[in-house]
Protein backbone atom coordinates (compact mmCIF):
# COMPACT_ATOMS: atom_id res chain seq x y z
CA UNK A 1 -54.19 62.28 -41.57
CA UNK A 2 -57.97 61.77 -41.67
CA UNK A 3 -59.77 63.85 -44.28
CA UNK A 4 -63.27 63.41 -42.75
CA UNK A 5 -64.79 63.79 -46.22
CA UNK A 6 -63.04 61.23 -48.47
CA UNK A 7 -64.17 57.70 -47.57
CA UNK A 8 -61.78 55.87 -49.93
CA UNK A 9 -58.70 57.77 -48.72
CA UNK A 10 -59.67 57.30 -45.08
CA UNK A 11 -60.36 53.59 -45.64
CA UNK A 12 -56.87 53.15 -47.12
CA UNK A 13 -55.31 55.00 -44.21
CA UNK A 14 -57.29 52.94 -41.68
CA UNK A 15 -56.18 49.72 -43.36
CA UNK A 16 -52.52 50.73 -43.17
CA UNK A 17 -52.92 51.81 -39.55
CA UNK A 18 -54.39 48.42 -38.63
CA UNK A 19 -51.53 46.67 -40.44
CA UNK A 20 -49.09 48.68 -38.37
CA UNK A 21 -50.98 47.90 -35.16
CA UNK A 22 -51.02 44.18 -35.97
CA UNK A 23 -47.25 44.28 -36.43
CA UNK A 24 -46.56 46.40 -33.34
CA UNK A 25 -48.66 44.27 -30.98
CA UNK A 26 -46.70 41.09 -31.65
CA UNK A 27 -44.61 41.94 -28.58
CA UNK A 28 -45.41 44.11 -25.57
CA UNK A 29 -42.32 45.24 -23.68
CA UNK A 30 -44.59 46.76 -21.03
CA UNK A 31 -47.80 44.73 -20.53
CA UNK A 32 -49.37 47.83 -18.98
CA UNK A 33 -49.58 49.25 -22.50
CA UNK A 34 -52.26 46.68 -23.33
CA UNK A 35 -54.87 48.74 -21.48
CA UNK A 36 -54.24 51.84 -23.60
CA UNK A 37 -54.31 49.76 -26.79
CA UNK A 38 -57.60 48.17 -25.73
CA UNK A 39 -59.08 51.62 -25.17
CA UNK A 40 -58.14 52.78 -28.66
CA UNK A 41 -59.22 49.44 -30.15
CA UNK A 42 -62.61 49.73 -28.46
CA UNK A 43 -63.07 53.19 -29.99
CA UNK A 44 -62.05 51.73 -33.35
CA UNK A 45 -64.66 48.97 -33.06
CA UNK A 46 -67.34 51.57 -32.37
CA UNK A 47 -66.30 53.52 -35.46
CA UNK A 48 -66.11 50.35 -37.55
CA UNK A 49 -69.63 49.44 -36.43
CA UNK A 50 -70.83 52.83 -37.65
CA UNK A 51 -68.99 52.47 -40.96
CA UNK A 52 -70.52 49.05 -41.65
CA UNK A 53 -73.99 50.37 -40.85
CA UNK A 54 -73.47 53.36 -43.16
CA UNK A 55 -72.23 51.12 -45.97
CA UNK A 56 -75.40 49.05 -45.63
CA UNK A 57 -77.48 52.23 -45.84
CA UNK A 58 -75.61 53.38 -48.95
CA UNK A 59 -76.30 50.11 -50.76
CA UNK A 60 -80.02 50.16 -50.08
CA UNK A 61 -80.38 53.92 -50.72
CA UNK A 62 -78.70 53.80 -54.14
CA UNK A 63 -80.01 50.41 -55.28
CA UNK A 64 -81.86 52.02 -58.21
CA UNK A 65 -78.45 52.88 -59.68
CA UNK A 66 -77.16 49.32 -59.29
CA UNK A 67 -76.75 47.15 -62.43
CA UNK A 68 -74.80 44.01 -63.18
CA UNK A 69 -72.05 43.85 -65.81
CA UNK A 70 -74.63 43.09 -68.48
CA UNK A 71 -76.62 46.21 -67.58
CA UNK A 72 -79.46 44.39 -65.80
CA UNK A 73 -80.81 46.80 -63.17
CA UNK A 74 -82.95 44.16 -61.43
CA UNK A 75 -79.94 41.93 -60.91
CA UNK A 76 -77.91 44.88 -59.68
CA UNK A 77 -80.60 45.89 -57.21
CA UNK A 78 -80.78 42.32 -55.92
CA UNK A 79 -77.02 42.32 -55.30
CA UNK A 80 -77.30 45.68 -53.53
CA UNK A 81 -79.97 44.33 -51.20
CA UNK A 82 -77.88 41.20 -50.57
CA UNK A 83 -74.88 43.34 -49.67
CA UNK A 84 -77.09 45.38 -47.33
CA UNK A 85 -78.32 42.27 -45.54
CA UNK A 86 -74.79 40.90 -45.13
CA UNK A 87 -73.52 44.22 -43.80
CA UNK A 88 -76.37 44.37 -41.30
CA UNK A 89 -75.36 40.90 -40.09
CA UNK A 90 -71.76 42.07 -39.79
CA UNK A 91 -72.92 45.10 -37.77
CA UNK A 92 -74.73 42.79 -35.36
CA UNK A 93 -71.59 40.68 -34.95
CA UNK A 94 -69.55 43.82 -34.29
CA UNK A 95 -71.92 44.64 -31.43
CA UNK A 96 -70.84 41.36 -29.81
CA UNK A 97 -67.17 42.14 -30.54
CA UNK A 98 -67.61 45.52 -28.86
CA UNK A 99 -69.07 43.92 -25.74
CA UNK A 100 -66.26 41.37 -25.48
CA UNK A 101 -63.51 43.95 -25.99
CA UNK A 102 -65.20 46.21 -23.45
CA UNK A 103 -65.28 43.35 -20.91
CA UNK A 104 -61.63 42.53 -21.64
CA UNK A 105 -60.65 46.16 -21.11
CA UNK A 106 -62.48 46.24 -17.76
CA UNK A 107 -60.62 43.11 -16.61
CA UNK A 108 -57.30 44.45 -17.89
CA UNK A 109 -57.86 47.65 -15.94
CA UNK A 110 -57.95 45.66 -12.71
CA UNK A 111 -54.46 44.23 -13.29
CA UNK A 112 -51.48 45.63 -11.40
CA UNK A 113 -48.50 44.67 -13.53
CA UNK A 114 -45.34 43.93 -11.53
CA UNK A 115 -41.78 44.20 -12.85
CA UNK A 116 -40.27 41.17 -14.55
CA UNK A 117 -38.94 38.73 -11.93
CA UNK A 118 -35.19 39.03 -11.56
CA UNK A 119 -34.76 35.50 -10.24
CA UNK A 120 -36.04 32.32 -11.79
CA UNK A 121 -38.36 30.64 -9.28
CA UNK A 122 -37.27 27.24 -8.11
CA UNK A 123 -38.87 24.39 -10.02
CA UNK A 124 -39.67 21.42 -7.80
CA UNK A 125 -38.25 18.03 -8.49
CA UNK A 126 -39.80 14.84 -7.19
CA UNK A 127 -38.08 12.36 -4.91
CA UNK A 128 -39.25 8.84 -4.32
CA UNK A 129 -40.52 8.10 -0.82
CA UNK A 130 -41.71 4.53 -1.34
CA UNK A 131 -42.50 2.15 -4.17
CA UNK A 132 -44.62 -0.94 -3.57
CA UNK A 133 -45.77 -3.73 -5.81
CA UNK A 134 -47.35 -7.15 -5.52
CA UNK A 135 -48.97 -7.98 -2.20
CA UNK A 136 -47.51 -4.87 -0.58
CA UNK A 137 -49.24 -2.70 -3.17
CA UNK A 138 -52.53 -4.60 -2.96
CA UNK A 139 -53.20 -3.20 0.52
CA UNK A 140 -52.74 0.37 -0.70
CA UNK A 141 -54.79 -0.23 -3.85
CA UNK A 142 -57.59 -1.52 -1.61
CA UNK A 143 -57.38 1.69 0.44
CA UNK A 144 -57.69 3.70 -2.79
CA UNK A 145 -60.77 1.74 -3.83
CA UNK A 146 -62.35 1.95 -0.38
CA UNK A 147 -61.34 5.36 1.01
CA UNK A 148 -59.85 7.30 -1.91
CA UNK A 149 -56.41 8.54 -2.89
CA UNK A 150 -56.06 11.03 -0.01
CA UNK A 151 -56.31 8.16 2.46
CA UNK A 152 -53.69 6.21 0.48
CA UNK A 153 -51.33 9.20 0.50
CA UNK A 154 -51.81 9.58 4.25
CA UNK A 155 -51.02 5.88 4.70
CA UNK A 156 -47.89 5.95 2.52
CA UNK A 157 -46.68 9.17 4.15
CA UNK A 158 -45.76 6.98 7.10
CA UNK A 159 -42.77 5.81 5.04
CA UNK A 160 -41.48 9.40 4.81
CA UNK A 161 -38.71 9.90 7.38
CA UNK A 162 -38.11 13.50 6.42
CA UNK A 163 -34.45 14.42 5.92
CA UNK A 164 -33.41 10.78 6.09
CA UNK A 165 -35.66 9.97 3.13
CA UNK A 166 -34.43 13.06 1.30
CA UNK A 167 -30.78 12.13 1.68
CA UNK A 168 -31.44 8.52 0.69
CA UNK A 169 -33.18 9.65 -2.49
CA UNK A 170 -30.40 12.11 -3.35
CA UNK A 171 -27.63 9.59 -2.72
CA UNK A 172 -29.30 6.82 -4.71
CA UNK A 173 -30.55 9.05 -7.51
CA UNK A 174 -34.27 8.60 -6.89
CA UNK A 175 -34.95 12.22 -7.81
CA UNK A 176 -36.90 13.14 -10.95
CA UNK A 177 -37.50 16.34 -12.90
CA UNK A 178 -41.14 15.32 -13.46
CA UNK A 179 -43.42 12.83 -11.78
CA UNK A 180 -42.39 9.46 -13.27
CA UNK A 181 -45.34 7.52 -14.63
CA UNK A 182 -46.03 4.68 -16.99
CA UNK A 183 -48.56 4.86 -19.81
CA UNK A 184 -51.36 3.28 -17.72
CA UNK A 185 -50.49 4.84 -14.37
CA UNK A 186 -52.84 7.21 -12.60
CA UNK A 187 -51.49 10.23 -10.74
CA UNK A 188 -52.88 12.47 -8.02
CA UNK A 189 -51.29 15.08 -5.77
CA UNK A 190 -52.03 16.32 -2.27
CA UNK A 191 -49.88 18.99 -0.69
CA UNK A 192 -46.25 18.16 -1.34
CA UNK A 193 -46.96 14.50 -2.18
CA UNK A 194 -47.73 12.82 -5.50
CA UNK A 195 -49.25 9.35 -5.69
CA UNK A 196 -48.99 7.14 -8.77
CA UNK A 197 -50.75 3.79 -8.95
CA UNK A 198 -51.72 1.11 -11.40
CA UNK A 199 -54.31 -1.56 -10.64
CA UNK A 200 -53.45 -3.60 -13.73
CA UNK A 201 -49.72 -3.83 -12.97
CA UNK A 202 -50.22 -3.86 -9.20
CA UNK A 203 -47.89 -1.12 -8.03
CA UNK A 204 -48.08 2.18 -6.15
CA UNK A 205 -45.51 4.91 -5.62
CA UNK A 206 -45.38 7.97 -3.36
CA UNK A 207 -43.14 10.92 -4.21
CA UNK A 208 -42.46 14.18 -2.40
CA UNK A 209 -41.72 17.55 -3.97
CA UNK A 210 -38.12 18.70 -3.53
CA UNK A 211 -38.05 22.43 -4.42
CA UNK A 212 -34.31 23.01 -4.61
CA UNK A 213 -32.66 22.33 -7.97
CA UNK A 214 -29.20 21.73 -6.60
CA UNK A 215 -26.43 20.56 -8.86
CA UNK A 216 -25.44 17.01 -7.87
CA UNK A 217 -21.99 16.29 -6.53
CA UNK A 218 -19.47 15.10 -9.07
CA UNK A 219 -19.53 11.58 -7.66
CA UNK A 220 -23.26 11.40 -7.02
CA UNK A 221 -25.60 9.62 -9.45
CA UNK A 222 -27.62 11.89 -11.73
CA UNK A 223 -31.36 12.32 -11.25
CA UNK A 224 -33.58 10.04 -13.29
CA UNK A 225 -36.27 11.48 -15.51
CA UNK A 226 -37.76 8.75 -17.72
CA UNK A 227 -39.85 5.87 -16.31
CA UNK A 228 -39.48 2.26 -17.41
CA UNK A 229 -41.10 -0.94 -16.22
CA UNK A 230 -40.92 -1.51 -12.44
CA UNK A 231 -38.53 -4.05 -10.96
CA UNK A 232 -39.61 -6.34 -8.15
CA UNK A 233 -38.50 -4.44 -5.09
CA UNK A 234 -39.75 -2.45 -2.13
CA UNK A 235 -38.09 0.84 -1.39
CA UNK A 236 -38.83 2.15 2.10
CA UNK A 237 -37.28 5.00 4.10
CA UNK A 238 -33.68 3.90 3.52
CA UNK A 239 -33.23 2.85 -0.11
CA UNK A 240 -30.99 -0.02 -1.01
CA UNK A 241 -28.48 0.62 -3.78
CA UNK A 242 -29.94 -1.27 -6.73
CA UNK A 243 -31.24 -0.55 -10.21
CA UNK A 244 -34.14 1.89 -10.24
CA UNK A 245 -37.42 0.98 -11.96
CA UNK A 246 -37.05 4.18 -13.97
CA UNK A 247 -34.47 4.43 -16.74
CA UNK A 248 -31.74 7.03 -16.07
CA UNK A 249 -31.69 10.26 -18.05
CA UNK A 250 -28.65 11.51 -19.93
CA UNK A 251 -29.04 14.93 -18.30
CA UNK A 252 -30.75 16.64 -15.31
CA UNK A 253 -33.06 17.58 -16.98
CA UNK A 254 -57.50 55.55 -16.82
CA UNK A 255 -56.05 54.71 -20.36
CA UNK A 256 -52.94 53.07 -19.03
CA UNK A 257 -52.41 49.85 -17.18
CA UNK A 258 -51.20 50.16 -13.66
CA UNK A 259 -47.56 49.24 -13.09
CA UNK A 260 -45.94 48.65 -9.78
């Protein structure tokens, strides 16, 4: 318990309390508790600011009693004044800490914490709509240079036949856990589409997000996840059964926060 008159005992107790707080705040079971902790921490910063200021005052007030180990009073007084200056700098820095913690507490107070989700949200996979290279890709690359990637996506979206394209991609395994790209490919997204293109290698690819992570049928090919060098082919709405240009993967891959 605080003594209010023994600075060394209170300093030891404060140090232990901060050690306990550092340990306890490693995990928050209820994130709403962060607001209450911020409130107490803000009060602690104010008190710490006062302590540092009072330590600075003590050093300068009692500098005539300061000596070094050899008994030199002038050297001791110099060290006392140095300690005072450093503590005054620390007090100024604590003013900034106070302002930042205060701002963080204000933002935290505006959060309405919801319960932990009971269901894992679906993670979209990406299915290939069309892959073009060579002369076929040159036209799309020219559109990118002239009109931008949105225009290229709009152009390539004409290859998307909806459910027909979806089924073709699922049957042939042109479904990926992440957008497949090579090391020099550029990628951009618009809505549910992702465009990858490479001027140096002369190829473009349009993919569409497929939100359902359904387990594939026992006889169906597994989804690919890792890209390799493209093969010379053109895959339109209905995909021919041939080797993909991506290598197959081995697996599918107040003082409380408000709580709702």
